[in-house]
């Protein structure tokens, strides 16, 4: 059984991934188990909260569009496994795929394969994108300095 932190990590990875890459990686898995929707993909709003300086009093920053989905794997065992997908934006398919992957990651038969063939490649791609953005931002960095007069 995965820990809460492990599940948070893979759910964050799935939510931040690009839909095209997620679709490609999931399609390579072959035939997936059947699943049913406990909550069909739906679009809504979520309030984003912030803190001044990261430590100050919390305030409502604004709303973002989110899509959520909940699926349940159909299995012969008595334990029903539900997967959740929450993604920023309006992509119904992205939320569905995230929920399916979350459910599969909770199953012993699929966990290692999904981790190796979906989550790890998504994490690698995310880190590449972050490094590229940092390089682009660093290229535009301007260093200011002040000249001190030689008075007195």
Protein backbone atom coordinates (compact mmCIF):
# COMPACT_ATOMS: atom_id res chain seq x y z
CA UNK A 1 0.00 0.00 0.00
CA UNK A 2 1.52 3.36 -1.02
CA UNK A 3 2.14 6.06 1.56
CA UNK A 4 0.31 9.36 1.48
CA UNK A 5 3.48 11.16 0.36
CA UNK A 6 4.08 8.70 -2.50
CA UNK A 7 0.52 9.14 -3.71
CA UNK A 8 0.74 12.92 -3.46
CA UNK A 9 3.93 12.84 -5.53
CA UNK A 10 2.49 10.76 -8.37
CA UNK A 11 -0.79 12.71 -8.38
CA UNK A 12 1.20 15.96 -8.68
CA UNK A 13 3.23 14.47 -11.52
CA UNK A 14 0.07 13.39 -13.36
CA UNK A 15 -1.59 16.78 -12.82
CA UNK A 16 1.42 18.75 -14.12
CA UNK A 17 2.03 16.53 -17.14
CA UNK A 18 1.27 17.47 -20.72
CA UNK A 19 -1.81 15.66 -22.02
CA UNK A 20 -0.16 14.56 -25.28
CA UNK A 21 2.72 12.87 -23.48
CA UNK A 22 0.42 11.28 -20.90
CA UNK A 23 -1.80 9.90 -23.70
CA UNK A 24 1.23 8.51 -25.51
CA UNK A 25 2.64 6.78 -22.41
CA UNK A 26 -0.72 5.31 -21.35
CA UNK A 27 -1.40 4.02 -24.88
CA UNK A 28 1.86 2.04 -24.74
CA UNK A 29 0.59 0.10 -21.70
CA UNK A 30 -1.69 -2.08 -23.77
CA UNK A 31 -5.10 -3.20 -22.54
CA UNK A 32 -6.02 -1.54 -19.27
CA UNK A 33 -8.54 -2.93 -16.79
CA UNK A 34 -12.12 -1.74 -17.20
CA UNK A 35 -13.25 1.09 -14.99
CA UNK A 36 -16.41 3.01 -14.26
CA UNK A 37 -16.92 6.64 -13.37
CA UNK A 38 -17.82 7.46 -9.80
CA UNK A 39 -17.66 11.10 -10.87
CA UNK A 40 -17.51 11.83 -14.58
CA UNK A 41 -14.92 14.41 -15.62
CA UNK A 42 -16.32 17.83 -14.81
CA UNK A 43 -15.05 21.37 -15.01
CA UNK A 44 -15.35 23.78 -12.12
CA UNK A 45 -13.61 26.52 -10.20
CA UNK A 46 -11.30 26.32 -7.22
CA UNK A 47 -10.24 29.17 -4.96
CA UNK A 48 -6.50 29.70 -4.82
CA UNK A 49 -5.20 31.04 -1.53
CA UNK A 50 -1.93 32.80 -0.91
CA UNK A 51 0.17 34.20 1.94
CA UNK A 52 1.99 37.50 1.88
CA UNK A 53 5.67 36.70 1.98
CA UNK A 54 4.85 33.00 2.30
CA UNK A 55 4.30 33.31 6.05
CA UNK A 56 1.74 36.08 6.46
CA UNK A 57 -2.00 35.95 6.86
CA UNK A 58 -3.79 33.79 4.25
CA UNK A 59 -5.88 35.60 1.63
CA UNK A 60 -7.96 34.60 -1.40
CA UNK A 61 -5.79 35.15 -4.46
CA UNK A 62 -8.41 34.25 -7.06
CA UNK A 63 -10.12 31.37 -8.82
CA UNK A 64 -8.70 28.91 -11.33
CA UNK A 65 -10.50 26.53 -13.63
CA UNK A 66 -10.02 22.89 -12.63
CA UNK A 67 -11.21 19.55 -13.94
CA UNK A 68 -11.80 16.57 -11.68
CA UNK A 69 -12.66 12.94 -12.20
CA UNK A 70 -13.06 9.85 -10.02
CA UNK A 71 -12.93 6.32 -11.42
CA UNK A 72 -13.30 2.88 -9.89
CA UNK A 73 -11.50 -0.14 -11.29
CA UNK A 74 -13.71 -3.10 -12.07
CA UNK A 75 -12.15 -6.12 -10.38
CA UNK A 76 -13.10 -9.53 -9.12
CA UNK A 77 -11.81 -8.77 -5.62
CA UNK A 78 -14.04 -7.32 -2.96
CA UNK A 79 -11.84 -4.27 -2.45
CA UNK A 80 -12.85 -1.48 -4.82
CA UNK A 81 -10.03 0.83 -5.84
CA UNK A 82 -10.87 4.43 -6.66
CA UNK A 83 -8.57 6.79 -8.52
CA UNK A 84 -8.77 10.57 -8.43
CA UNK A 85 -7.67 13.08 -11.03
CA UNK A 86 -7.50 16.84 -10.46
CA UNK A 87 -5.90 19.02 -13.13
CA UNK A 88 -5.73 22.74 -13.76
CA UNK A 89 -7.61 23.83 -16.84
CA UNK A 90 -10.46 22.37 -18.85
CA UNK A 91 -9.14 19.00 -20.06
CA UNK A 92 -11.67 16.25 -19.39
CA UNK A 93 -9.40 13.58 -20.88
CA UNK A 94 -6.41 14.66 -18.78
CA UNK A 95 -8.43 14.34 -15.55
CA UNK A 96 -9.71 10.92 -16.64
CA UNK A 97 -6.25 9.59 -17.46
CA UNK A 98 -4.85 10.95 -14.20
CA UNK A 99 -7.63 9.20 -12.26
CA UNK A 100 -7.07 5.90 -14.09
CA UNK A 101 -3.32 6.04 -13.45
CA UNK A 102 -3.93 6.88 -9.78
CA UNK A 103 -6.18 3.83 -9.45
CA UNK A 104 -3.70 1.55 -11.24
CA UNK A 105 -0.84 2.78 -9.06
CA UNK A 106 -2.77 1.55 -6.03
CA UNK A 107 -2.93 -1.99 -7.43
CA UNK A 108 0.01 -4.33 -6.81
CA UNK A 109 -0.27 -5.85 -10.32
CA UNK A 110 0.07 -2.49 -12.09
CA UNK A 111 2.02 -0.28 -9.67
CA UNK A 112 5.57 -1.02 -10.85
CA UNK A 113 4.69 -0.86 -14.53
CA UNK A 114 2.83 2.47 -14.24
CA UNK A 115 5.61 3.88 -12.07
CA UNK A 116 8.31 2.88 -14.58
CA UNK A 117 6.49 3.53 -17.86
CA UNK A 118 4.35 6.57 -17.02
CA UNK A 119 5.37 8.40 -13.84
CA UNK A 120 9.15 8.33 -14.27
CA UNK A 121 9.10 9.54 -17.91
CA UNK A 122 6.65 12.31 -16.91
CA UNK A 123 8.93 13.38 -14.05
CA UNK A 124 11.97 13.42 -16.33
CA UNK A 125 10.12 15.55 -18.90
CA UNK A 126 8.86 17.93 -16.19
CA UNK A 127 12.40 18.44 -14.86
CA UNK A 128 13.70 19.09 -18.40
CA UNK A 129 11.01 21.75 -18.89
CA UNK A 130 11.85 23.37 -15.54
CA UNK A 131 15.57 23.48 -16.40
CA UNK A 132 14.79 24.97 -19.82
CA UNK A 133 12.63 27.68 -18.22
CA UNK A 134 15.37 28.47 -15.70
CA UNK A 135 17.96 28.78 -18.49
CA UNK A 136 15.64 31.07 -20.47
CA UNK A 137 15.02 33.23 -17.41
CA UNK A 138 18.74 33.35 -16.57
CA UNK A 139 19.51 34.54 -20.10
CA UNK A 140 17.39 37.65 -19.51
CA UNK A 141 18.84 38.43 -16.08
CA UNK A 142 20.20 41.93 -15.66
CA UNK A 143 22.71 42.70 -12.92
CA UNK A 144 22.50 46.24 -11.58
CA UNK A 145 25.27 47.83 -9.61
CA UNK A 146 25.90 51.24 -8.08
CA UNK A 147 29.05 53.24 -8.56
CA UNK A 148 30.24 54.95 -5.40
CA UNK A 149 31.73 58.41 -5.78
CA UNK A 150 35.15 59.06 -4.44
CA UNK A 151 34.10 61.94 -2.22
CA UNK A 152 36.02 62.67 0.95
